PDB file of N, CA and C in Angstrom:
ATOM      1  N   UNK A   1      -2.402  -8.554  15.356  1.00  0.00           N
ATOM      2  CA  UNK A   1      -2.636  -7.416  16.213  1.00  0.00           C
ATOM      3  C   UNK A   1      -3.725  -7.721  17.235  1.00  0.00           C
ATOM      4  N   UNK A   2      -4.680  -8.543  16.845  1.00  0.00           N
ATOM      5  CA  UNK A   2      -5.742  -8.907  17.792  1.00  0.00           C
ATOM      6  C   UNK A   2      -5.167  -9.534  19.050  1.00  0.00           C
ATOM      7  N   UNK A   3      -4.067 -10.283  18.897  1.00  0.00           N
ATOM      8  CA  UNK A   3      -3.460 -10.942  20.051  1.00  0.00           C
ATOM      9  C   UNK A   3      -3.056  -9.920  21.107  1.00  0.00           C
ATOM     10  N   UNK A   4      -2.619  -8.747  20.684  1.00  0.00           N
ATOM     11  CA  UNK A   4      -2.210  -7.724  21.641  1.00  0.00           C
ATOM     12  C   UNK A   4      -3.372  -6.912  22.180  1.00  0.00           C
ATOM     13  N   UNK A   5      -4.426  -6.774  21.401  1.00  0.00           N
ATOM     14  CA  UNK A   5      -5.504  -5.877  21.809  1.00  0.00           C
ATOM     15  C   UNK A   5      -6.716  -6.572  22.417  1.00  0.00           C
ATOM     16  N   UNK A   6      -6.908  -7.840  22.094  1.00  0.00           N
ATOM     17  CA  UNK A   6      -8.091  -8.549  22.599  1.00  0.00           C
ATOM     18  C   UNK A   6      -7.686  -9.709  23.499  1.00  0.00           C
ATOM     19  N   UNK A   7      -8.178  -9.686  24.710  1.00  0.00           N
ATOM     20  CA  UNK A   7      -7.854 -10.728  25.674  1.00  0.00           C
ATOM     21  C   UNK A   7      -8.293 -12.102  25.185  1.00  0.00           C
ATOM     22  N   UNK A   8      -9.423 -12.178  24.527  1.00  0.00           N
ATOM     23  CA  UNK A   8      -9.971 -13.454  24.101  1.00  0.00           C
ATOM     24  C   UNK A   8      -9.433 -13.933  22.746  1.00  0.00           C
ATOM     25  N   UNK A   9      -8.407 -13.291  22.217  1.00  0.00           N
ATOM     26  CA  UNK A   9      -7.901 -13.628  20.889  1.00  0.00           C
ATOM     27  C   UNK A   9      -7.205 -14.989  20.845  1.00  0.00           C
ATOM     28  N   UNK A  10      -6.828 -15.519  21.981  1.00  0.00           N
ATOM     29  CA  UNK A  10      -6.168 -16.820  22.042  1.00  0.00           C
ATOM     30  C   UNK A  10      -6.263 -17.350  23.466  1.00  0.00           C
ATOM     31  N   UNK A  11      -5.905 -18.605  23.630  1.00  0.00           N
ATOM     32  CA  UNK A  11      -5.950 -19.214  24.954  1.00  0.00           C
ATOM     33  C   UNK A  11      -4.599 -19.045  25.643  1.00  0.00           C
ATOM     34  N   UNK A  12      -4.603 -18.403  26.778  1.00  0.00           N
ATOM     35  CA  UNK A  12      -3.364 -18.123  27.494  1.00  0.00           C
ATOM     36  C   UNK A  12      -2.617 -19.402  27.877  1.00  0.00           C
ATOM     37  N   UNK A  13      -3.334 -20.449  28.211  1.00  0.00           N
ATOM     38  CA  UNK A  13      -2.701 -21.704  28.601  1.00  0.00           C
ATOM     39  C   UNK A  13      -1.960 -22.353  27.430  1.00  0.00           C
ATOM     40  N   UNK A  14      -2.487 -22.196  26.248  1.00  0.00           N
ATOM     41  CA  UNK A  14      -1.858 -22.799  25.058  1.00  0.00           C
ATOM     42  C   UNK A  14      -0.678 -21.986  24.564  1.00  0.00           C
ATOM     43  N   UNK A  15      -0.641 -20.708  24.870  1.00  0.00           N
ATOM     44  CA  UNK A  15       0.402 -19.818  24.366  1.00  0.00           C
ATOM     45  C   UNK A  15       1.024 -19.019  25.510  1.00  0.00           C
ATOM     46  N   UNK A  16       1.711 -19.712  26.415  1.00  0.00           N
ATOM     47  CA  UNK A  16       2.250 -19.004  27.588  1.00  0.00           C
ATOM     48  C   UNK A  16       3.306 -17.954  27.233  1.00  0.00           C
ATOM     49  N   UNK A  17       4.147 -18.213  26.260  1.00  0.00           N
ATOM     50  CA  UNK A  17       5.189 -17.244  25.896  1.00  0.00           C
ATOM     51  C   UNK A  17       4.574 -15.986  25.290  1.00  0.00           C
ATOM     52  N   UNK A  18       3.596 -16.157  24.414  1.00  0.00           N
ATOM     53  CA  UNK A  18       2.902 -15.009  23.836  1.00  0.00           C
ATOM     54  C   UNK A  18       2.211 -14.204  24.937  1.00  0.00           C
ATOM     55  N   UNK A  19       1.623 -14.918  25.886  1.00  0.00           N
ATOM     56  CA  UNK A  19       0.959 -14.252  27.001  1.00  0.00           C
ATOM     57  C   UNK A  19       1.948 -13.448  27.826  1.00  0.00           C
ATOM     58  N   UNK A  20       3.119 -14.008  28.088  1.00  0.00           N
ATOM     59  CA  UNK A  20       4.133 -13.309  28.862  1.00  0.00           C
ATOM     60  C   UNK A  20       4.582 -12.045  28.135  1.00  0.00           C
ATOM     61  N   UNK A  21       4.828 -12.176  26.838  1.00  0.00           N
ATOM     62  CA  UNK A  21       5.265 -11.022  26.049  1.00  0.00           C
ATOM     63  C   UNK A  21       4.171  -9.956  25.985  1.00  0.00           C
ATOM     64  N   UNK A  22       2.930 -10.386  25.821  1.00  0.00           N
ATOM     65  CA  UNK A  22       1.809  -9.441  25.763  1.00  0.00           C
ATOM     66  C   UNK A  22       1.706  -8.664  27.073  1.00  0.00           C
ATOM     67  N   UNK A  23       1.803  -9.379  28.187  1.00  0.00           N
ATOM     68  CA  UNK A  23       1.738  -8.703  29.488  1.00  0.00           C
ATOM     69  C   UNK A  23       2.880  -7.699  29.635  1.00  0.00           C
ATOM     70  N   UNK A  24       4.086  -8.082  29.217  1.00  0.00           N
ATOM     71  CA  UNK A  24       5.231  -7.175  29.318  1.00  0.00           C
ATOM     72  C   UNK A  24       4.998  -5.910  28.501  1.00  0.00           C
ATOM     73  N   UNK A  25       4.513  -6.061  27.261  1.00  0.00           N
ATOM     74  CA  UNK A  25       4.298  -4.902  26.398  1.00  0.00           C
ATOM     75  C   UNK A  25       3.169  -4.003  26.894  1.00  0.00           C
ATOM     76  N   UNK A  26       2.162  -4.592  27.468  1.00  0.00           N
ATOM     77  CA  UNK A  26       1.006  -3.811  27.889  1.00  0.00           C
ATOM     78  C   UNK A  26       1.098  -3.293  29.319  1.00  0.00           C
ATOM     79  N   UNK A  27       1.791  -4.020  30.192  1.00  0.00           N
ATOM     80  CA  UNK A  27       1.675  -3.729  31.612  1.00  0.00           C
ATOM     81  C   UNK A  27       2.940  -3.197  32.269  1.00  0.00           C
ATOM     82  N   UNK A  28       4.058  -3.142  31.552  1.00  0.00           N
ATOM     83  CA  UNK A  28       5.280  -2.611  32.166  1.00  0.00           C
ATOM     84  C   UNK A  28       5.712  -1.345  31.437  1.00  0.00           C
ATOM     85  N   UNK A  29       6.383  -0.494  32.173  1.00  0.00           N
ATOM     86  CA  UNK A  29       6.880   0.752  31.574  1.00  0.00           C
ATOM     87  C   UNK A  29       7.873   0.442  30.458  1.00  0.00           C
ATOM     88  N   UNK A  30       8.750  -0.517  30.682  1.00  0.00           N
ATOM     89  CA  UNK A  30       9.724  -0.901  29.666  1.00  0.00           C
ATOM     90  C   UNK A  30       9.021  -1.407  28.397  1.00  0.00           C
ATOM     91  N   UNK A  31       8.000  -2.221  28.578  1.00  0.00           N
ATOM     92  CA  UNK A  31       7.254  -2.743  27.442  1.00  0.00           C
ATOM     93  C   UNK A  31       6.559  -1.640  26.661  1.00  0.00           C
ATOM     94  N   UNK A  32       5.947  -0.706  27.366  1.00  0.00           N
ATOM     95  CA  UNK A  32       5.280   0.415  26.699  1.00  0.00           C
ATOM     96  C   UNK A  32       6.288   1.282  25.956  1.00  0.00           C
ATOM     97  N   UNK A  33       7.467   1.471  26.551  1.00  0.00           N
ATOM     98  CA  UNK A  33       8.508   2.244  25.866  1.00  0.00           C
ATOM     99  C   UNK A  33       8.969   1.537  24.592  1.00  0.00           C
ATOM    100  N   UNK A  34       9.161   0.218  24.697  1.00  0.00           N
ATOM    101  CA  UNK A  34       9.553  -0.558  23.510  1.00  0.00           C
ATOM    102  C   UNK A  34       8.501  -0.432  22.408  1.00  0.00           C
ATOM    103  N   UNK A  35       7.252  -0.583  22.784  1.00  0.00           N
ATOM    104  CA  UNK A  35       6.171  -0.502  21.804  1.00  0.00           C
ATOM    105  C   UNK A  35       6.098   0.893  21.212  1.00  0.00           C
ATOM    106  N   UNK A  36       6.286   1.906  22.035  1.00  0.00           N
ATOM    107  CA  UNK A  36       6.288   3.282  21.545  1.00  0.00           C
ATOM    108  C   UNK A  36       7.408   3.521  20.551  1.00  0.00           C
ATOM    109  N   UNK A  37       8.574   2.958  20.823  1.00  0.00           N
ATOM    110  CA  UNK A  37       9.708   3.102  19.907  1.00  0.00           C
ATOM    111  C   UNK A  37       9.421   2.452  18.563  1.00  0.00           C
ATOM    112  N   UNK A  38       8.823   1.280  18.609  1.00  0.00           N
ATOM    113  CA  UNK A  38       8.483   0.578  17.364  1.00  0.00           C
ATOM    114  C   UNK A  38       7.460   1.375  16.571  1.00  0.00           C
ATOM    115  N   UNK A  39       6.457   1.881  17.241  1.00  0.00           N
ATOM    116  CA  UNK A  39       5.423   2.668  16.567  1.00  0.00           C
ATOM    117  C   UNK A  39       6.024   3.930  15.957  1.00  0.00           C
ATOM    118  N   UNK A  40       6.914   4.590  16.670  1.00  0.00           N
ATOM    119  CA  UNK A  40       7.558   5.801  16.152  1.00  0.00           C
ATOM    120  C   UNK A  40       8.408   5.484  14.926  1.00  0.00           C
ATOM    121  N   UNK A  41       9.109   4.366  14.966  1.00  0.00           N
ATOM    122  CA  UNK A  41       9.924   3.957  13.818  1.00  0.00           C
ATOM    123  C   UNK A  41       9.052   3.694  12.587  1.00  0.00           C
ATOM    124  N   UNK A  42       7.948   3.007  12.778  1.00  0.00           N
ATOM    125  CA  UNK A  42       7.025   2.728  11.678  1.00  0.00           C
ATOM    126  C   UNK A  42       6.447   4.029  11.130  1.00  0.00           C
ATOM    127  N   UNK A  43       6.093   4.938  12.019  1.00  0.00           N
ATOM    128  CA  UNK A  43       5.548   6.233  11.609  1.00  0.00           C
ATOM    129  C   UNK A  43       6.564   7.022  10.784  1.00  0.00           C
ATOM    130  N   UNK A  44       7.807   7.047  11.237  1.00  0.00           N
ATOM    131  CA  UNK A  44       8.857   7.775  10.521  1.00  0.00           C
ATOM    132  C   UNK A  44       9.096   7.166   9.136  1.00  0.00           C
ATOM    133  N   UNK A  45       9.076   5.845   9.063  1.00  0.00           N
ATOM    134  CA  UNK A  45       9.246   5.178   7.765  1.00  0.00           C
ATOM    135  C   UNK A  45       8.097   5.539   6.828  1.00  0.00           C
ATOM    136  N   UNK A  46       6.899   5.585   7.353  1.00  0.00           N
ATOM    137  CA  UNK A  46       5.736   5.947   6.544  1.00  0.00           C
ATOM    138  C   UNK A  46       5.826   7.364   6.012  1.00  0.00           C
ATOM    139  N   UNK A  47       6.292   8.271   6.851  1.00  0.00           N
ATOM    140  CA  UNK A  47       6.449   9.666   6.419  1.00  0.00           C
ATOM    141  C   UNK A  47       7.485   9.745   5.304  1.00  0.00           C
ATOM    142  N   UNK A  48       8.611   9.055   5.476  1.00  0.00           N
ATOM    143  CA  UNK A  48       9.667   9.077   4.461  1.00  0.00           C
ATOM    144  C   UNK A  48       9.166   8.480   3.148  1.00  0.00           C
ATOM    145  N   UNK A  49       8.436   7.378   3.228  1.00  0.00           N
ATOM    146  CA  UNK A  49       7.892   6.760   2.017  1.00  0.00           C
ATOM    147  C   UNK A  49       6.900   7.687   1.333  1.00  0.00           C
ATOM    148  N   UNK A  50       6.086   8.368   2.105  1.00  0.00           N
ATOM    149  CA  UNK A  50       5.118   9.301   1.537  1.00  0.00           C
ATOM    150  C   UNK A  50       5.792  10.458   0.825  1.00  0.00           C
ATOM    151  N   UNK A  51       6.861  10.982   1.428  1.00  0.00           N
ATOM    152  CA  UNK A  51       7.609  12.065   0.778  1.00  0.00           C
ATOM    153  C   UNK A  51       8.196  11.583  -0.541  1.00  0.00           C
ATOM    154  N   UNK A  52       8.797  10.402  -0.520  1.00  0.00           N
ATOM    155  CA  UNK A  52       9.406   9.862  -1.732  1.00  0.00           C
ATOM    156  C   UNK A  52       8.352   9.666  -2.820  1.00  0.00           C
ATOM    157  N   UNK A  53       7.217   9.091  -2.459  1.00  0.00           N
ATOM    158  CA  UNK A  53       6.138   8.879  -3.438  1.00  0.00           C
ATOM    159  C   UNK A  53       5.663  10.202  -4.030  1.00  0.00           C
ATOM    160  N   UNK A  54       5.511  11.199  -3.191  1.00  0.00           N
ATOM    161  CA  UNK A  54       5.060  12.508  -3.673  1.00  0.00           C
ATOM    162  C   UNK A  54       6.072  13.116  -4.639  1.00  0.00           C
ATOM    163  N   UNK A  55       7.334  13.075  -4.272  1.00  0.00           N
ATOM    164  CA  UNK A  55       8.354  13.644  -5.146  1.00  0.00           C
ATOM    165  C   UNK A  55       8.488  12.861  -6.453  1.00  0.00           C
ATOM    166  N   UNK A  56       8.328  11.567  -6.389  1.00  0.00           N
ATOM    167  CA  UNK A  56       8.371  10.764  -7.620  1.00  0.00           C
ATOM    168  C   UNK A  56       7.246  11.198  -8.554  1.00  0.00           C
ATOM    169  N   UNK A  57       6.068  11.437  -7.991  1.00  0.00           N
ATOM    170  CA  UNK A  57       4.956  11.924  -8.819  1.00  0.00           C
ATOM    171  C   UNK A  57       5.268  13.282  -9.431  1.00  0.00           C
ATOM    172  N   UNK A  58       5.862  14.164  -8.659  1.00  0.00           N
ATOM    173  CA  UNK A  58       6.223  15.484  -9.176  1.00  0.00           C
ATOM    174  C   UNK A  58       7.271  15.384 -10.284  1.00  0.00           C
ATOM    175  N   UNK A  59       8.213  14.468 -10.129  1.00  0.00           N
ATOM    176  CA  UNK A  59       9.214  14.250 -11.186  1.00  0.00           C
ATOM    177  C   UNK A  59       8.527  13.699 -12.431  1.00  0.00           C
ATOM    178  N   UNK A  60       7.689  12.699 -12.222  1.00  0.00           N
ATOM    179  CA  UNK A  60       6.965  12.085 -13.355  1.00  0.00           C
ATOM    180  C   UNK A  60       6.142  13.129 -14.104  1.00  0.00           C
ATOM    181  N   UNK A  61       5.562  14.062 -13.381  1.00  0.00           N
ATOM    182  CA  UNK A  61       4.729  15.100 -14.002  1.00  0.00           C
ATOM    183  C   UNK A  61       5.555  16.267 -14.546  1.00  0.00           C
ATOM    184  N   UNK A  62       6.875  16.193 -14.387  1.00  0.00           N
ATOM    185  CA  UNK A  62       7.751  17.214 -14.930  1.00  0.00           C
ATOM    186  C   UNK A  62       7.815  18.499 -14.114  1.00  0.00           C
ATOM    187  N   UNK A  63       7.360  18.450 -12.886  1.00  0.00           N
ATOM    188  CA  UNK A  63       7.346  19.655 -12.046  1.00  0.00           C
ATOM    189  C   UNK A  63       8.624  19.835 -11.230  1.00  0.00           C
ATOM    190  N   UNK A  64       9.348  18.740 -11.024  1.00  0.00           N
ATOM    191  CA  UNK A  64      10.577  18.760 -10.230  1.00  0.00           C
ATOM    192  C   UNK A  64      11.604  17.884 -10.934  1.00  0.00           C
ATOM    193  N   UNK A  65      12.873  18.279 -10.894  1.00  0.00           N
ATOM    194  CA  UNK A  65      13.928  17.450 -11.496  1.00  0.00           C
ATOM    195  C   UNK A  65      14.251  16.273 -10.583  1.00  0.00           C
ATOM    196  N   UNK A  66      14.824  15.235 -11.170  1.00  0.00           N
ATOM    197  CA  UNK A  66      15.239  14.065 -10.389  1.00  0.00           C
ATOM    198  C   UNK A  66      16.230  14.501  -9.313  1.00  0.00           C
ATOM    199  N   UNK A  67      17.182  15.324  -9.669  1.00  0.00           N
ATOM    200  CA  UNK A  67      18.198  15.754  -8.712  1.00  0.00           C
ATOM    201  C   UNK A  67      17.587  16.566  -7.565  1.00  0.00           C
ATOM    202  N   UNK A  68      16.669  17.471  -7.896  1.00  0.00           N
ATOM    203  CA  UNK A  68      16.022  18.262  -6.842  1.00  0.00           C
ATOM    204  C   UNK A  68      15.199  17.367  -5.912  1.00  0.00           C
ATOM    205  N   UNK A  69      14.517  16.387  -6.476  1.00  0.00           N
ATOM    206  CA  UNK A  69      13.725  15.464  -5.655  1.00  0.00           C
ATOM    207  C   UNK A  69      14.638  14.669  -4.731  1.00  0.00           C
ATOM    208  N   UNK A  70      15.735  14.171  -5.271  1.00  0.00           N
ATOM    209  CA  UNK A  70      16.674  13.383  -4.472  1.00  0.00           C
ATOM    210  C   UNK A  70      17.260  14.222  -3.340  1.00  0.00           C
ATOM    211  N   UNK A  71      17.636  15.444  -3.655  1.00  0.00           N
ATOM    212  CA  UNK A  71      18.195  16.340  -2.642  1.00  0.00           C
ATOM    213  C   UNK A  71      17.165  16.629  -1.556  1.00  0.00           C
ATOM    214  N   UNK A  72      15.924  16.795  -1.944  1.00  0.00           N
ATOM    215  CA  UNK A  72      14.866  17.126  -1.008  1.00  0.00           C
ATOM    216  C   UNK A  72      14.649  16.041   0.048  1.00  0.00           C
ATOM    217  N   UNK A  73      14.722  14.772  -0.367  1.00  0.00           N
ATOM    218  CA  UNK A  73      14.496  13.686   0.593  1.00  0.00           C
ATOM    219  C   UNK A  73      15.788  13.058   1.090  1.00  0.00           C
ATOM    220  N   UNK A  74      16.929  13.560   0.610  1.00  0.00           N
ATOM    221  CA  UNK A  74      18.208  13.058   1.096  1.00  0.00           C
ATOM    222  C   UNK A  74      18.568  11.679   0.605  1.00  0.00           C
ATOM    223  N   UNK A  75      18.213  11.371  -0.642  1.00  0.00           N
ATOM    224  CA  UNK A  75      18.568  10.083  -1.231  1.00  0.00           C
ATOM    225  C   UNK A  75      19.372  10.318  -2.504  1.00  0.00           C
ATOM    226  N   UNK A  76      19.931   9.247  -3.012  1.00  0.00           N
ATOM    227  CA  UNK A  76      20.650   9.304  -4.270  1.00  0.00           C
ATOM    228  C   UNK A  76      19.635   9.428  -5.414  1.00  0.00           C
ATOM    229  N   UNK A  77      19.993  10.146  -6.449  1.00  0.00           N
ATOM    230  CA  UNK A  77      19.100  10.326  -7.596  1.00  0.00           C
ATOM    231  C   UNK A  77      18.700   8.986  -8.210  1.00  0.00           C
ATOM    232  N   UNK A  78      19.582   7.994  -8.117  1.00  0.00           N
ATOM    233  CA  UNK A  78      19.248   6.660  -8.652  1.00  0.00           C
ATOM    234  C   UNK A  78      18.052   6.043  -7.932  1.00  0.00           C
ATOM    235  N   UNK A  79      17.896   6.359  -6.666  1.00  0.00           N
ATOM    236  CA  UNK A  79      16.735   5.836  -5.934  1.00  0.00           C
ATOM    237  C   UNK A  79      15.444   6.426  -6.498  1.00  0.00           C
ATOM    238  N   UNK A  80      15.467   7.690  -6.839  1.00  0.00           N
ATOM    239  CA  UNK A  80      14.303   8.318  -7.470  1.00  0.00           C
ATOM    240  C   UNK A  80      14.040   7.649  -8.817  1.00  0.00           C
ATOM    241  N   UNK A  81      15.095   7.412  -9.576  1.00  0.00           N
ATOM    242  CA  UNK A  81      14.932   6.759 -10.889  1.00  0.00           C
ATOM    243  C   UNK A  81      14.380   5.349 -10.740  1.00  0.00           C
ATOM    244  N   UNK A  82      14.847   4.610  -9.735  1.00  0.00           N
ATOM    245  CA  UNK A  82      14.319   3.251  -9.508  1.00  0.00           C
ATOM    246  C   UNK A  82      12.838   3.305  -9.142  1.00  0.00           C
ATOM    247  N   UNK A  83      12.470   4.282  -8.313  1.00  0.00           N
ATOM    248  CA  UNK A  83      11.059   4.414  -7.928  1.00  0.00           C
ATOM    249  C   UNK A  83      10.207   4.765  -9.151  1.00  0.00           C
ATOM    250  N   UNK A  84      10.738   5.599 -10.021  1.00  0.00           N
ATOM    251  CA  UNK A  84      10.016   5.935 -11.260  1.00  0.00           C
ATOM    252  C   UNK A  84       9.866   4.690 -12.136  1.00  0.00           C
ATOM    253  N   UNK A  85      10.915   3.914 -12.257  1.00  0.00           N
ATOM    254  CA  UNK A  85      10.870   2.696 -13.080  1.00  0.00           C
ATOM    255  C   UNK A  85       9.891   1.674 -12.493  1.00  0.00           C
ATOM    256  N   UNK A  86       9.822   1.608 -11.178  1.00  0.00           N
ATOM    257  CA  UNK A  86       8.921   0.656 -10.521  1.00  0.00           C
ATOM    258  C   UNK A  86       7.457   1.012 -10.774  1.00  0.00           C
ATOM    259  N   UNK A  87       7.190   2.300 -10.973  1.00  0.00           N
ATOM    260  CA  UNK A  87       5.821   2.733 -11.263  1.00  0.00           C
ATOM    261  C   UNK A  87       5.364   2.285 -12.645  1.00  0.00           C
ATOM    262  N   UNK A  88       6.345   2.066 -13.514  1.00  0.00           N
ATOM    263  CA  UNK A  88       6.017   1.599 -14.861  1.00  0.00           C
ATOM    264  C   UNK A  88       5.876   2.643 -15.828  1.00  0.00           C
TER     265      UNK A  88
END
């Protein structure tokens, strides 16, 4: 990440392709849109993972059924069971 945020993170002469890509992402509208899309995708994945983790905890604590948890996040009940098994 430093390569994208800090100018001095590397030598531009040694890494011309990285420099070109960095300039595109930081200095063009298309690059900023691409970066925004990636950030939004990561954010959405994080939200979904957080919901799943929360519901798995509620199932583990006996507050919500596996089926209700699965329905709530739009996954198969087996996915909830796998997440429970992964917790140990």
